[in-house]
Protein backbone atom coordinates (compact mmCIF):
# COMPACT_ATOMS: atom_id res chain seq x y z
CA MET A 1 23.70 -58.38 7.37
CA ALA A 2 27.22 -58.84 5.93
CA GLU A 3 30.01 -58.50 8.60
CA SER A 4 31.71 -55.76 6.41
CA GLY A 5 28.65 -53.68 6.18
CA PRO A 6 25.32 -53.58 4.52
CA HIS A 7 24.74 -53.99 0.75
CA LEU A 8 23.28 -50.71 -0.34
CA LEU A 9 21.91 -49.46 -3.69
CA ILE A 10 22.42 -45.74 -4.26
CA LEU A 11 20.42 -43.75 -6.71
CA GLU A 12 21.21 -40.17 -7.68
CA THR A 13 19.06 -38.60 -10.37
CA SER A 14 18.83 -35.02 -9.18
CA SER A 15 21.45 -33.78 -11.53
CA ARG A 16 21.97 -33.57 -15.44
CA VAL A 17 23.85 -36.93 -15.25
CA GLY A 18 22.18 -39.57 -13.13
CA GLN A 19 24.28 -42.23 -11.27
CA VAL A 20 23.56 -45.70 -9.86
CA ALA A 21 25.97 -47.24 -7.41
CA LEU A 22 26.46 -50.27 -5.19
CA ALA A 23 28.17 -49.94 -1.80
CA GLN A 24 29.13 -52.35 0.94
CA GLY A 25 29.44 -50.56 4.30
CA ASP A 26 31.33 -47.33 3.76
CA THR A 27 32.79 -48.29 0.36
CA VAL A 28 31.39 -47.57 -3.02
CA LEU A 29 32.09 -50.67 -5.13
CA SER A 30 30.77 -49.73 -8.54
CA VAL A 31 29.24 -46.79 -10.17
CA ARG A 32 27.27 -46.47 -13.35
CA ARG A 33 26.61 -43.09 -15.02
CA LEU A 34 23.27 -42.76 -16.89
CA ASP A 35 23.20 -41.53 -20.52
CA GLU A 36 22.96 -37.85 -20.29
CA THR A 37 21.08 -37.57 -23.67
CA ARG A 38 18.18 -39.80 -22.51
CA ARG A 39 15.69 -39.84 -19.68
CA HIS A 40 16.79 -41.59 -16.47
CA ALA A 41 13.84 -44.06 -16.64
CA ARG A 42 15.28 -45.62 -19.80
CA ASP A 43 18.60 -46.45 -18.28
CA LEU A 44 18.04 -46.77 -14.49
CA ALA A 45 16.59 -50.32 -14.20
CA PRO A 46 19.04 -51.95 -16.64
CA ALA A 47 21.93 -50.15 -14.96
CA VAL A 48 20.91 -51.53 -11.55
CA ALA A 49 20.61 -55.03 -12.99
CA GLU A 50 24.06 -54.83 -14.68
CA LEU A 51 25.76 -53.70 -11.52
CA LEU A 52 24.23 -56.35 -9.48
CA VAL A 53 25.36 -58.97 -12.02
CA GLN A 54 28.89 -57.51 -12.12
CA GLN A 55 28.99 -57.60 -8.30
CA ASN A 56 27.55 -61.06 -8.25
CA TRP A 57 24.89 -59.87 -5.93
CA LYS A 58 21.30 -61.01 -6.01
CA PRO A 59 18.51 -58.41 -5.50
CA ASN A 60 17.32 -60.11 -2.36
CA GLU A 61 20.74 -59.78 -0.89
CA MET A 62 20.46 -55.96 -0.84
CA HIS A 63 19.96 -54.48 2.69
CA GLY A 64 18.80 -51.02 1.76
CA VAL A 65 18.31 -48.24 -0.82
CA LEU A 66 19.64 -44.75 -0.52
CA VAL A 67 18.03 -42.14 -2.86
CA SER A 68 18.93 -38.48 -3.50
CA LEU A 69 15.86 -36.31 -2.62
CA GLY A 70 16.96 -33.04 -4.32
CA PRO A 71 16.34 -30.29 -4.86
CA GLY A 72 17.09 -30.80 -8.62
CA SER A 73 15.55 -32.00 -11.84
CA TYR A 74 11.84 -32.62 -11.39
CA THR A 75 11.70 -35.51 -13.97
CA GLY A 76 14.86 -36.99 -12.64
CA LEU A 77 13.88 -36.85 -8.91
CA ARG A 78 10.49 -38.42 -9.63
CA VAL A 79 12.07 -41.24 -11.70
CA GLY A 80 14.82 -41.84 -9.20
CA LEU A 81 12.48 -41.90 -6.19
CA MET A 82 9.81 -44.00 -7.85
CA SER A 83 12.59 -46.51 -8.83
CA ALA A 84 13.92 -46.56 -5.32
CA LYS A 85 10.50 -47.15 -3.81
CA THR A 86 9.77 -49.82 -6.33
CA PHE A 87 12.97 -51.68 -5.58
CA ALA A 88 12.70 -51.38 -1.85
CA TYR A 89 9.07 -52.60 -1.91
CA ALA A 90 9.75 -55.49 -4.27
CA ILE A 91 12.82 -56.66 -2.40
CA GLY A 92 11.32 -55.86 1.10
CA CYS A 93 14.42 -53.86 2.17
CA PRO A 94 14.57 -50.39 3.89
CA LEU A 95 14.43 -47.07 2.06
CA LEU A 96 16.31 -43.98 3.15
CA GLY A 97 16.23 -40.52 1.49
CA VAL A 98 19.28 -38.24 1.46
CA GLU A 99 19.12 -34.47 1.04
CA THR A 100 21.25 -33.76 -2.10
CA PHE A 101 22.72 -30.50 -0.72
CA SER A 102 23.97 -32.09 2.37
CA ALA A 103 25.88 -34.56 0.16
CA ILE A 104 27.25 -31.79 -1.97
CA ALA A 105 28.45 -29.85 1.11
CA LEU A 106 30.81 -32.75 1.98
CA GLN A 107 32.56 -32.35 -1.22
CA ALA A 108 33.85 -28.79 -0.40
CA PRO A 109 37.51 -28.25 0.44
CA GLU A 110 38.77 -27.96 4.00
CA ALA A 111 39.49 -24.25 3.45
CA ALA A 112 35.71 -23.62 3.28
CA HIS A 113 34.10 -22.86 6.63
CA ARG A 114 31.04 -21.20 5.23
CA LEU A 115 29.29 -22.66 2.18
CA ASP A 116 26.37 -21.69 -0.07
CA VAL A 117 25.05 -24.61 -2.07
CA ILE A 118 22.72 -23.59 -5.01
CA ALA A 119 20.72 -25.06 -7.78
CA ASP A 120 18.78 -23.42 -10.61
CA ALA A 121 15.23 -22.67 -9.60
CA GLN A 122 14.51 -20.92 -12.86
CA GLN A 123 13.17 -17.38 -13.43
CA GLU A 124 16.40 -15.93 -12.10
CA LYS A 125 16.02 -17.69 -8.80
CA VAL A 126 18.18 -20.27 -7.00
CA TYR A 127 17.55 -22.94 -4.34
CA LEU A 128 19.86 -21.91 -1.62
CA GLN A 129 21.14 -23.70 1.54
CA ARG A 130 23.75 -22.27 3.68
CA PHE A 131 26.18 -24.37 5.67
CA ALA A 132 28.54 -23.47 8.54
CA TRP A 133 31.41 -25.82 9.54
CA ASP A 134 31.60 -26.72 13.16
CA ASP A 135 35.37 -27.47 14.08
CA LEU A 136 34.47 -29.13 17.32
CA ALA A 137 31.84 -31.55 16.03
CA LYS A 138 33.66 -31.92 12.67
CA LYS A 139 30.51 -31.50 10.58
CA TRP A 140 28.38 -28.96 8.72
CA HIS A 141 25.42 -27.28 10.21
CA ALA A 142 22.70 -26.40 7.69
CA GLU A 143 20.22 -23.54 7.58
CA ALA A 144 16.75 -24.19 6.13
CA LEU A 145 16.66 -24.62 2.38
CA ARG A 146 15.01 -21.73 0.58
CA ILE A 147 14.45 -20.03 -2.70
CA GLU A 148 15.86 -16.57 -3.39
CA ARG A 149 16.34 -14.25 -6.36
CA ILE A 150 19.89 -14.32 -7.48
CA SER A 151 20.38 -10.56 -6.80
CA ASP A 152 19.01 -10.96 -3.15
CA TRP A 153 21.22 -13.98 -2.60
CA LEU A 154 24.37 -12.17 -3.80
CA ALA A 155 23.50 -9.06 -1.74
CA GLY A 156 23.18 -11.08 1.50
CA ARG A 157 25.89 -13.59 0.99
CA PRO A 158 28.52 -13.68 3.68
CA ALA A 159 31.81 -12.44 2.26
CA ASP A 160 33.73 -15.56 3.19
CA ALA A 161 31.16 -18.02 2.00
CA TRP A 162 32.26 -20.49 -0.72
CA VAL A 163 29.79 -21.32 -3.48
CA THR A 164 29.15 -24.72 -5.04
CA GLY A 165 26.17 -26.83 -6.28
CA PRO A 166 24.61 -27.71 -9.66
CA GLY A 167 23.41 -24.15 -10.06
CA MET A 168 26.95 -23.14 -10.74
CA HIS A 169 26.73 -24.70 -14.19
CA THR A 170 24.10 -21.89 -14.96
CA TYR A 171 25.36 -19.06 -12.85
CA ALA A 172 29.16 -19.33 -12.27
CA LYS A 173 29.91 -16.84 -15.05
CA GLN A 174 27.47 -14.30 -13.53
CA LEU A 175 29.19 -14.29 -10.09
CA PRO A 176 31.21 -11.12 -9.27
CA PRO A 177 34.99 -11.68 -9.09
CA GLY A 178 36.51 -12.68 -5.78
CA ILE A 179 33.78 -15.01 -4.68
CA PRO A 180 35.44 -18.33 -3.59
CA GLN A 181 34.15 -21.23 -5.77
CA VAL A 182 34.42 -25.02 -5.24
CA ASP A 183 36.12 -26.80 -8.18
CA PRO A 184 33.55 -27.57 -10.83
CA GLU A 185 34.18 -31.37 -10.41
CA HIS A 186 32.61 -31.12 -6.98
CA TRP A 187 29.45 -29.18 -7.99
CA ASP A 188 27.26 -32.20 -8.51
CA PRO A 189 26.49 -34.90 -5.95
CA ARG A 190 28.48 -38.11 -6.00
CA PRO A 191 27.29 -41.56 -4.75
CA GLU A 192 30.24 -41.55 -2.21
CA SER A 193 28.94 -38.31 -0.62
CA LEU A 194 25.35 -39.65 -0.48
CA LEU A 195 26.78 -42.72 1.29
CA ARG A 196 28.65 -40.58 3.80
CA VAL A 197 25.39 -38.85 4.64
CA GLY A 198 23.12 -41.90 4.51
CA LEU A 199 25.12 -44.69 6.02
CA PRO A 200 25.27 -43.39 9.68
CA ARG A 201 21.61 -42.79 9.52
CA PHE A 202 21.02 -46.21 8.16
CA LEU A 203 23.10 -47.90 10.69
CA GLY A 204 21.37 -45.82 13.45
CA GLY A 205 18.07 -47.29 12.42
CA GLN A 206 16.54 -44.46 10.48
CA ARG A 207 14.08 -45.44 7.68
CA ASP A 208 11.59 -43.66 5.41
CA ASP A 209 8.12 -44.71 4.55
CA VAL A 210 8.00 -46.14 1.00
CA TRP A 211 4.55 -44.61 0.53
CA LYS A 212 5.13 -41.17 1.97
CA LEU A 213 8.74 -40.21 1.00
CA GLU A 214 8.61 -37.21 -1.44
CA PRO A 215 11.25 -35.32 -3.32
CA ILE A 216 12.34 -31.90 -2.15
CA TYR A 217 10.86 -29.26 -4.50
CA LEU A 218 9.77 -26.24 -2.46
CA ARG A 219 7.74 -25.00 -5.58
CA ALA A 220 5.67 -26.48 -8.34
CA SER A 221 7.27 -27.39 -11.66
CA SER A 222 7.15 -25.05 -14.61
CA ALA A 223 4.42 -27.14 -16.24
CA GLU A 224 2.31 -26.93 -13.05
CA GLU A 225 2.80 -23.23 -12.62
CA LYS A 226 1.62 -22.59 -16.15
CA TRP A 227 -1.39 -24.91 -15.52
CA GLN A 228 -2.13 -22.95 -12.31
CA ALA A 229 -1.92 -19.76 -14.18
CA GLN A 230 -4.27 -20.83 -16.93
CA THR A 231 -6.86 -22.20 -14.54
CA THR A 232 -6.73 -19.32 -11.97
CA PRO A 233 -9.61 -16.79 -12.56
């Protein structure tokens, strides 16, 4: 492994705009945004190849792959995870999944000591994960990820909790006045944040099974729910 840190491929496809990045140690060296108007599968493999050429790295010089696990876009997560698995298996390098909301929490301002990260779960529901800042440990402590109706979430939200996450693109205008919001530029996960979460785990020896790692969904997709409704007596 390079003295200045491992060569890592980072795949983030949970959001509306996918991103591919290369990092060495704790530094992101290059990032490629995937075309927002096309499916991630069409752009992801060429983007990875272009970044490797630009960095003058060969695929077999990569030490690991970090992939965003969601929650988020069903199609995007599946494409990203399958691409990460394929690359890791083909190269023979380790694979490590990173919880998307944990990365987003790192993008909140220092003034936030309580944080609600949300994503659209459709049908007037949100994926919700609540974080509390630990001043002593200098890190976020996360509650369990769950799905709640927007009305229930707002009714039970701590008054001092800031709000962020990709769900804000859909629901920010519906929030009552006075709720502290993270700046829109920090609502979506960035490769740098995925690296901040994943690198210590990677260096600590954590690895995921390329055959068993799955995205974080909590519920079936809309298509699966419709199919279940049609086939249930």
